[in-house]
Amino acid sequence: MSDHTISRNMLGMLKVFNFVLYGALAIYSTFFALYLKDIGFSNVQIGLLVAGGPLIGLVANPFWAYCADRFRNNKRILIICLIGNFSVMQFVFMTESYPLIYSLMLFYFTFQSPLFTQSNSLILNVIEGTNRKFGEFRAWGSLGWALIAVIAGPIIGWLGINKLWIVFDAMLLFAIFFTFLMPSGNEREQKAKFTNKGYFTVFQNKYFLIFVCLGVLISIPNSINTTFLSIYIRGLGGTNTVVGWAAFATAILEVPVFLLLDRYLKKNSRTMLGWLTVISLLFSARWLLMSVASSAIQVIFIQLLHAITFGGYYYVGTQLTSHLVPGEYRSSGQAVYGLTWGGISGIIAGILGGWMFENLGAAVLYRICFGITICGFIGFFLLQNSYRRNERYASAQSEKTM
């Protein structure tokens, strides 16, 4: 597929779509916990509610990914999921009943869980065979997350957190509108046809499976931080505007990180595993710093590490998944990778994270996060060494047969 097959207007729409999609998700991720706190929910209740999302995502994400691969249309899946998100959240904002909100949020997560992985798969499918790079488009998502979060902070402070639905609805409607203007993601020619039997080859690559399992250890602390960061900042005396700036700091520097990785990252498994090892160590340093933070401003500066840690892991992990999984099962591979950030790790983060935040305090919580991430670092270090030894062995065997 050449650049001429997908017009420049379509590629431009892909950038705008990522901007508004991530902007809408930033409003939910940054301010929804504060909304729940405002209507009387405890940290434990918020954690249990958030844990329901990954639980549903364990089924919903692979289901939507299977549909996308089977019918080769990421755009259609995104439209269905975004309309589902919008519809369910209207009812969520109409009630303050915990059982009812919890039930409704399970439906919301059914549609929300595949958005990141489906948008990534759409980008990868559209640009395959062109000279375009993944980070060029994903960077617009980071811009949307950063700018919309920082703009929304003062607006929500002026409207009141109880009017969160106004800002959220506006951004989600923009996302739905631009989705209709997107390419479908099925323009590329497949090297092989999708088959149900071949689908399960996604789960038979041992390096991919170990990578996914280690990703859970890295993502548990990140999910805890994402869920409770705004509450932590408020506890340190920060306002909604400060919360917005923290979200801005979280995402804005992802843009140069993605663009630099586009240019300099070597797309081979050994190099990418090496990068994930280094990033895991940096994650550990980030949580250690969070455990000793004493002001909201300090938290904002520590959040700048998010660009290198989450941004780097997200980019390299997406590329590694694309490298290890056959193209005709790309959406499914990305869905399995996505579960490391929104599946089992999210369930653990929601349930245990809420309990630890409530009963142990933020400092102890982040020290525990430090310990979990160190375990992930050790795992990636061993995996990268194992992969390197196997490469050398395979190379030696190849030379013997020549």
Protein backbone atom coordinates (compact mmCIF):
# COMPACT_ATOMS: atom_id res chain seq x y z
CA MET A 1 0.00 0.00 0.00
CA SER A 2 1.39 3.42 -0.89
CA ASP A 3 0.81 6.86 0.53
CA HIS A 4 -1.43 7.53 -2.46
CA THR A 5 -3.91 4.81 -1.44
CA ILE A 6 -4.70 6.67 1.77
CA SER A 7 -5.11 10.37 1.06
CA ARG A 8 -3.42 13.08 3.08
CA ASN A 9 -6.86 14.14 4.31
CA MET A 10 -7.45 10.65 5.71
CA LEU A 11 -4.06 10.67 7.41
CA GLY A 12 -4.86 14.11 8.82
CA MET A 13 -8.19 12.81 10.14
CA LEU A 14 -6.33 9.95 11.81
CA LYS A 15 -4.29 12.51 13.76
CA VAL A 16 -7.33 14.59 14.70
CA PHE A 17 -9.21 11.46 15.76
CA ASN A 18 -6.40 10.43 18.12
CA PHE A 19 -6.32 13.96 19.56
CA VAL A 20 -10.03 14.05 20.45
CA LEU A 21 -10.26 10.38 21.50
CA TYR A 22 -7.41 10.68 24.00
CA GLY A 23 -8.74 14.07 25.10
CA ALA A 24 -12.09 12.48 26.02
CA LEU A 25 -10.38 9.59 27.81
CA ALA A 26 -8.15 12.06 29.68
CA ILE A 27 -11.21 13.79 31.13
CA TYR A 28 -12.58 10.46 32.35
CA SER A 29 -9.24 9.23 33.71
CA THR A 30 -8.27 12.51 35.37
CA PHE A 31 -11.53 13.74 36.89
CA PHE A 32 -13.99 10.84 37.24
CA ALA A 33 -12.44 9.64 40.53
CA LEU A 34 -12.89 13.20 41.91
CA TYR A 35 -16.51 13.15 40.74
CA LEU A 36 -17.11 9.88 42.59
CA LYS A 37 -15.38 11.27 45.68
CA ASP A 38 -17.61 14.35 45.48
CA ILE A 39 -20.82 12.29 45.52
CA GLY A 40 -19.64 10.36 48.58
CA PHE A 41 -17.70 7.31 47.41
CA SER A 42 -14.78 6.06 49.53
CA ASN A 43 -11.34 5.16 48.14
CA VAL A 44 -12.16 1.46 48.53
CA GLN A 45 -15.46 1.86 46.65
CA ILE A 46 -13.70 3.78 43.87
CA GLY A 47 -11.04 1.07 43.66
CA LEU A 48 -13.64 -1.71 43.45
CA LEU A 49 -15.52 0.19 40.75
CA VAL A 50 -12.37 0.75 38.71
CA ALA A 51 -11.42 -2.92 39.13
CA GLY A 52 -14.67 -3.89 37.40
CA GLY A 53 -13.36 -2.39 34.16
CA PRO A 54 -10.36 -4.68 33.76
CA LEU A 55 -12.49 -7.66 34.81
CA ILE A 56 -14.90 -6.96 31.96
CA GLY A 57 -11.96 -6.11 29.68
CA LEU A 58 -10.59 -9.65 30.05
CA VAL A 59 -13.54 -10.78 27.92
CA ALA A 60 -14.57 -7.64 26.03
CA ASN A 61 -11.14 -6.66 24.68
CA PRO A 62 -10.38 -10.03 23.04
CA PHE A 63 -13.98 -10.23 21.74
CA TRP A 64 -13.81 -6.86 19.98
CA ALA A 65 -10.29 -7.64 18.72
CA TYR A 66 -11.49 -10.96 17.26
CA CYS A 67 -14.32 -9.11 15.49
CA ALA A 68 -11.89 -6.53 14.11
CA ASP A 69 -9.53 -9.20 12.75
CA ARG A 70 -12.38 -11.39 11.49
CA PHE A 71 -14.16 -8.59 9.61
CA ARG A 72 -11.06 -6.41 9.01
CA ASN A 73 -12.70 -3.18 10.10
CA ASN A 74 -11.27 -1.33 13.11
CA LYS A 75 -13.32 1.77 12.30
CA ARG A 76 -16.64 -0.04 12.71
CA ILE A 77 -15.59 -1.41 16.11
CA LEU A 78 -14.51 2.06 17.26
CA ILE A 79 -17.83 3.60 16.21
CA ILE A 80 -19.85 0.95 18.07
CA CYS A 81 -17.71 1.28 21.21
CA LEU A 82 -17.73 5.08 21.31
CA ILE A 83 -21.50 5.28 20.88
CA GLY A 84 -21.84 2.65 23.61
CA ASN A 85 -19.56 4.70 25.90
CA PHE A 86 -21.56 7.85 25.34
CA SER A 87 -24.94 6.17 25.89
CA VAL A 88 -24.01 4.41 29.14
CA MET A 89 -22.33 7.43 30.73
CA GLN A 90 -25.52 9.48 30.37
CA PHE A 91 -27.17 7.14 32.86
CA VAL A 92 -24.10 7.09 35.13
CA PHE A 93 -24.25 10.87 35.57
CA MET A 94 -27.98 10.71 36.40
CA THR A 95 -27.62 8.69 39.62
CA GLU A 96 -25.61 8.68 42.85
CA SER A 97 -26.50 5.11 43.82
CA TYR A 98 -23.34 3.03 44.19
CA PRO A 99 -24.94 -0.31 43.14
CA LEU A 100 -26.50 1.30 40.07
CA ILE A 101 -23.34 3.18 39.06
CA TYR A 102 -21.30 0.00 39.54
CA SER A 103 -23.67 -1.97 37.31
CA LEU A 104 -23.70 0.72 34.64
CA MET A 105 -19.92 1.04 34.66
CA LEU A 106 -19.61 -2.65 33.82
CA PHE A 107 -21.48 -1.88 30.60
CA TYR A 108 -19.31 1.20 30.06
CA PHE A 109 -16.13 -0.85 30.36
CA THR A 110 -17.45 -3.33 27.81
CA PHE A 111 -17.18 -0.53 25.25
CA GLN A 112 -14.26 1.41 26.75
CA SER A 113 -11.70 -1.40 27.10
CA PRO A 114 -10.89 -1.83 23.37
CA LEU A 115 -10.50 1.85 22.47
CA PHE A 116 -6.73 2.11 22.96
CA THR A 117 -5.85 -1.17 21.26
CA GLN A 118 -8.30 -0.70 18.39
CA SER A 119 -7.03 2.82 17.69
CA ASN A 120 -3.44 1.49 17.73
CA SER A 121 -4.35 -1.35 15.37
CA LEU A 122 -6.08 1.11 13.06
CA ILE A 123 -2.94 3.25 12.90
CA LEU A 124 -0.69 0.25 12.24
CA ASN A 125 -3.02 -1.14 9.57
CA VAL A 126 -3.42 2.19 7.77
CA ILE A 127 0.30 3.04 7.67
CA GLU A 128 1.53 -0.46 6.77
CA GLY A 129 3.44 -0.32 3.51
CA THR A 130 3.89 3.46 3.69
CA ASN A 131 6.79 5.54 4.97
CA ARG A 132 4.68 6.78 7.90
CA LYS A 133 5.59 5.88 11.50
CA PHE A 134 3.36 4.86 14.42
CA GLY A 135 4.64 7.58 16.77
CA GLU A 136 3.77 10.32 14.28
CA PHE A 137 0.07 9.55 14.82
CA ARG A 138 0.11 8.33 18.43
CA ALA A 139 1.83 11.58 19.46
CA TRP A 140 -1.41 13.41 18.61
CA GLY A 141 -3.16 11.28 21.22
CA SER A 142 -0.66 12.45 23.82
CA LEU A 143 -1.20 16.06 22.74
CA GLY A 144 -4.95 15.60 23.11
CA TRP A 145 -4.57 14.02 26.55
CA ALA A 146 -2.24 16.79 27.78
CA LEU A 147 -3.98 19.85 26.36
CA ILE A 148 -7.58 18.79 27.01
CA ALA A 149 -6.78 17.79 30.60
CA VAL A 150 -5.10 21.11 31.40
CA ILE A 151 -7.85 23.14 29.69
CA ALA A 152 -10.60 21.10 31.35
CA GLY A 153 -9.21 21.64 34.88
CA PRO A 154 -10.22 25.33 35.22
CA ILE A 155 -13.47 24.74 33.29
CA ILE A 156 -14.51 21.96 35.65
CA GLY A 157 -13.41 24.10 38.60
CA TRP A 158 -15.72 26.87 37.33
CA LEU A 159 -18.66 24.58 36.47
CA GLY A 160 -18.23 22.36 39.52
CA ILE A 161 -17.17 18.71 39.49
CA ASN A 162 -20.86 17.73 39.49
CA LYS A 163 -21.06 19.14 35.93
CA LEU A 164 -18.29 16.86 34.68
CA TRP A 165 -20.76 15.31 32.22
CA ILE A 166 -20.85 18.51 30.13
CA VAL A 167 -17.13 18.46 29.34
CA PHE A 168 -16.97 14.68 28.95
CA ASP A 169 -19.98 14.52 26.60
CA ALA A 170 -18.65 17.32 24.41
CA MET A 171 -15.31 15.61 23.85
CA LEU A 172 -16.86 12.18 23.27
CA LEU A 173 -19.26 13.57 20.66
CA PHE A 174 -16.28 15.11 18.83
CA ALA A 175 -14.56 11.71 18.90
CA ILE A 176 -17.64 9.96 17.48
CA PHE A 177 -17.95 12.55 14.70
CA PHE A 178 -14.33 12.20 13.58
CA THR A 179 -14.48 8.39 13.71
CA PHE A 180 -16.95 8.44 10.80
CA LEU A 181 -14.34 10.32 8.73
CA MET A 182 -11.64 7.69 9.32
CA PRO A 183 -10.30 4.98 7.00
CA SER A 184 -11.58 1.53 7.96
CA GLY A 185 -8.19 -0.09 8.53
CA ASN A 186 -8.78 -2.84 5.95
CA GLU A 187 -7.11 -1.07 3.03
CA ARG A 188 -3.93 -3.14 3.32
CA GLU A 189 -3.60 -6.48 1.53
CA GLN A 190 -3.20 -9.37 3.96
CA LYS A 191 -0.23 -11.68 3.56
CA ALA A 192 -2.38 -14.54 4.83
CA LYS A 193 -6.07 -15.02 5.47
CA PHE A 194 -7.61 -14.96 8.92
CA THR A 195 -8.48 -18.43 10.24
CA ASN A 196 -9.82 -19.48 13.63
CA LYS A 197 -7.04 -22.07 13.92
CA GLY A 198 -4.35 -19.55 13.14
CA TYR A 199 -5.88 -17.14 15.65
CA PHE A 200 -4.55 -19.24 18.52
CA THR A 201 -0.96 -18.93 17.26
CA VAL A 202 -1.03 -15.53 18.98
CA PHE A 203 -0.94 -17.40 22.31
CA GLN A 204 1.83 -19.86 21.37
CA ASN A 205 4.84 -17.52 21.15
CA LYS A 206 6.64 -18.03 24.47
CA TYR A 207 8.51 -14.72 24.32
CA PHE A 208 5.28 -12.83 23.67
CA LEU A 209 3.54 -14.58 26.58
CA ILE A 210 6.41 -13.93 29.01
CA PHE A 211 6.52 -10.30 27.86
CA VAL A 212 2.77 -10.00 28.55
CA CYS A 213 3.10 -11.56 32.02
CA LEU A 214 6.01 -9.30 32.99
CA GLY A 215 4.00 -6.34 31.70
CA VAL A 216 1.43 -7.06 34.40
CA LEU A 217 4.06 -6.39 37.08
CA ILE A 218 4.99 -3.09 35.45
CA SER A 219 1.41 -2.01 34.88
CA ILE A 220 -0.06 -2.73 38.33
CA PRO A 221 1.71 0.28 39.94
CA ASN A 222 0.95 2.44 36.90
CA SER A 223 -2.77 1.54 37.12
CA ILE A 224 -2.78 2.36 40.84
CA ASN A 225 -1.17 5.71 40.13
CA THR A 226 -3.62 6.52 37.32
CA THR A 227 -6.63 5.67 39.51
CA PHE A 228 -5.63 7.52 42.68
CA LEU A 229 -3.31 10.29 41.47
CA SER A 230 -5.99 12.99 41.47
CA ILE A 231 -7.11 12.02 45.00
CA TYR A 232 -3.47 11.97 46.15
CA ILE A 233 -2.93 15.47 44.74
CA ARG A 234 -6.09 16.76 46.43
CA GLY A 235 -4.88 15.24 49.69
CA LEU A 236 -1.65 17.23 49.34
CA GLY A 237 -3.66 20.44 48.93
CA GLY A 238 -3.89 20.60 45.13
CA THR A 239 -6.90 22.03 43.25
CA ASN A 240 -8.69 20.78 40.11
CA THR A 241 -6.41 23.06 38.10
CA VAL A 242 -3.35 21.40 39.65
CA VAL A 243 -4.86 17.99 38.84
CA GLY A 244 -5.20 19.14 35.23
CA TRP A 245 -1.57 20.29 35.12
CA ALA A 246 -0.47 16.92 36.52
CA ALA A 247 -2.30 15.22 33.63
CA PHE A 248 -0.63 17.69 31.25
CA ALA A 249 2.80 16.83 32.63
CA THR A 250 1.89 13.16 32.33
CA ALA A 251 1.31 13.31 28.58
CA ILE A 252 2.91 16.33 26.91
CA LEU A 253 6.48 14.99 26.83
CA GLU A 254 5.25 11.72 25.32
CA VAL A 255 5.19 13.57 21.99
CA PRO A 256 8.99 13.99 21.59
CA VAL A 257 9.52 10.51 23.09
CA PHE A 258 7.31 8.92 20.41
CA LEU A 259 8.95 10.92 17.62
CA LEU A 260 12.47 10.08 18.82
CA LEU A 261 11.60 6.39 19.08
CA ASP A 262 10.13 6.55 15.57
CA ARG A 263 13.51 7.71 14.34
CA TYR A 264 16.03 5.82 16.43
CA LEU A 265 14.44 2.62 17.81
CA LYS A 266 15.80 -0.48 16.08
CA LYS A 267 12.82 -2.72 15.28
CA ASN A 268 14.27 -6.02 16.45
CA SER A 269 13.11 -8.05 19.45
CA ARG A 270 16.42 -8.12 21.34
CA THR A 271 16.85 -4.35 21.23
CA MET A 272 13.24 -3.73 22.22
CA LEU A 273 13.50 -6.15 25.17
CA GLY A 274 16.62 -4.27 26.27
CA TRP A 275 14.72 -0.99 26.20
CA LEU A 276 11.88 -2.48 28.25
CA THR A 277 14.44 -3.56 30.88
CA VAL A 278 15.78 0.00 31.21
CA ILE A 279 12.28 1.50 31.25
CA SER A 280 11.22 -0.88 34.04
CA LEU A 281 14.10 0.38 36.18
CA LEU A 282 13.05 3.98 35.52
CA PHE A 283 9.50 3.08 36.57
CA SER A 284 10.93 1.87 39.90
CA ALA A 285 12.69 5.20 40.43
CA ARG A 286 9.45 7.04 39.66
CA TRP A 287 7.45 5.23 42.35
CA LEU A 288 10.23 5.66 44.88
CA LEU A 289 10.13 9.43 44.30
CA MET A 290 6.32 9.43 44.61
CA SER A 291 6.61 7.74 48.01
CA VAL A 292 8.54 10.72 49.42
CA ALA A 293 6.61 13.56 47.70
CA SER A 294 5.36 16.17 50.18
CA SER A 295 3.52 18.64 47.93
CA ALA A 296 1.26 18.68 44.87
CA ILE A 297 3.90 20.61 42.90
CA GLN A 298 6.47 17.89 43.55
CA VAL A 299 4.02 15.33 42.19
CA ILE A 300 3.65 17.34 38.97
CA PHE A 301 7.42 17.32 38.41
CA ILE A 302 7.65 13.60 39.18
CA GLN A 303 4.86 13.02 36.65
CA LEU A 304 7.22 14.30 33.94
CA LEU A 305 8.88 10.87 34.17
CA HIS A 306 5.65 9.43 32.78
CA ALA A 307 6.75 10.36 29.25
CA ILE A 308 9.87 8.19 29.45
CA THR A 309 8.36 5.38 31.52
CA PHE A 310 4.79 4.80 30.33
CA GLY A 311 5.35 6.53 26.97
CA GLY A 312 8.47 4.47 26.28
CA TYR A 313 6.95 1.20 27.48
CA TYR A 314 3.72 1.79 25.57
CA TYR A 315 5.52 2.55 22.29
CA VAL A 316 8.13 -0.21 22.51
CA GLY A 317 5.55 -2.74 23.72
CA THR A 318 3.21 -1.90 20.83
CA GLN A 319 6.05 -2.31 18.31
CA LEU A 320 7.30 -5.52 19.94
CA THR A 321 3.77 -6.98 19.81
CA SER A 322 3.49 -6.05 16.13
CA HIS A 323 6.88 -7.71 15.56
CA LEU A 324 6.03 -10.96 17.37
CA VAL A 325 2.41 -11.43 16.17
CA PRO A 326 1.43 -12.12 12.52
CA GLY A 327 -0.18 -9.14 10.76
CA GLU A 328 -3.51 -10.87 10.11
CA TYR A 329 -3.98 -11.22 13.90
CA ARG A 330 -2.67 -7.76 14.76
CA SER A 331 -5.79 -6.53 16.58
CA SER A 332 -5.83 -9.68 18.73
CA GLY A 333 -2.14 -9.36 19.56
CA GLN A 334 -2.59 -5.72 20.53
CA ALA A 335 -5.63 -6.72 22.62
CA VAL A 336 -3.59 -9.28 24.57
CA TYR A 337 -0.86 -6.68 25.07
CA GLY A 338 -3.52 -4.16 26.13
CA LEU A 339 -4.72 -6.54 28.82
CA THR A 340 -1.39 -6.06 30.62
CA TRP A 341 -2.48 -2.45 31.20
CA GLY A 342 -6.21 -2.91 31.64
CA GLY A 343 -6.78 -6.55 32.51
CA ILE A 344 -5.46 -8.54 35.45
CA SER A 345 -3.22 -5.67 36.53
CA GLY A 346 -6.18 -3.29 36.56
CA ILE A 347 -8.22 -5.64 38.73
CA ILE A 348 -5.39 -5.97 41.24
CA ALA A 349 -4.72 -2.22 41.13
CA GLY A 350 -8.38 -1.38 41.74
CA ILE A 351 -9.01 -3.78 44.59
CA LEU A 352 -5.68 -3.86 46.45
CA GLY A 353 -4.73 -0.33 45.45
CA GLY A 354 -7.91 1.11 46.95
CA TRP A 355 -7.48 -0.88 50.16
CA MET A 356 -3.80 0.06 50.52
CA PHE A 357 -4.47 3.74 49.82
CA GLU A 358 -7.23 3.79 52.44
CA ASN A 359 -5.46 1.78 55.14
CA LEU A 360 -1.71 2.13 54.59
CA GLY A 361 -1.45 5.62 53.12
CA ALA A 362 0.10 6.90 49.91
CA ALA A 363 3.75 6.68 51.01
CA VAL A 364 3.57 2.97 51.85
CA LEU A 365 1.47 2.32 48.74
CA TYR A 366 4.12 3.80 46.44
CA ARG A 367 6.93 1.91 48.22
CA ILE A 368 5.04 -1.31 47.51
CA CYS A 369 4.71 -0.18 43.87
CA PHE A 370 8.49 0.28 43.82
CA GLY A 371 9.02 -3.31 44.97
CA ILE A 372 6.58 -4.76 42.40
CA THR A 373 8.27 -2.89 39.55
CA ILE A 374 11.74 -4.04 40.62
CA CYS A 375 10.48 -7.62 40.20
CA GLY A 376 9.37 -6.73 36.67
CA PHE A 377 12.81 -5.20 35.94
CA ILE A 378 14.56 -8.41 37.03
CA GLY A 379 12.20 -10.45 34.85
CA PHE A 380 12.88 -8.35 31.74
CA PHE A 381 16.62 -8.47 32.40
CA LEU A 382 16.52 -12.28 32.46
CA LEU A 383 14.20 -12.45 29.42
CA GLN A 384 16.46 -10.21 27.33
CA ASN A 385 19.50 -12.32 28.23
CA SER A 386 17.62 -15.53 27.38
CA TYR A 387 16.59 -14.12 24.00
CA ARG A 388 20.16 -13.05 23.25
CA ARG A 389 21.52 -16.54 24.11
CA ASN A 390 18.91 -18.19 21.90
CA GLU A 391 19.80 -15.86 19.03
CA ARG A 392 23.47 -16.79 19.35
CA TYR A 393 22.61 -20.49 19.51
CA ALA A 394 20.38 -20.23 16.42
CA SER A 395 23.11 -18.33 14.57
CA ALA A 396 25.74 -20.97 15.50
CA GLN A 397 23.45 -23.80 14.34
CA SER A 398 22.81 -21.97 11.07
CA GLU A 399 26.55 -21.64 10.44
CA LYS A 400 27.08 -25.37 11.06
CA THR A 401 24.51 -26.31 8.41
CA MET A 402 26.06 -24.04 5.76
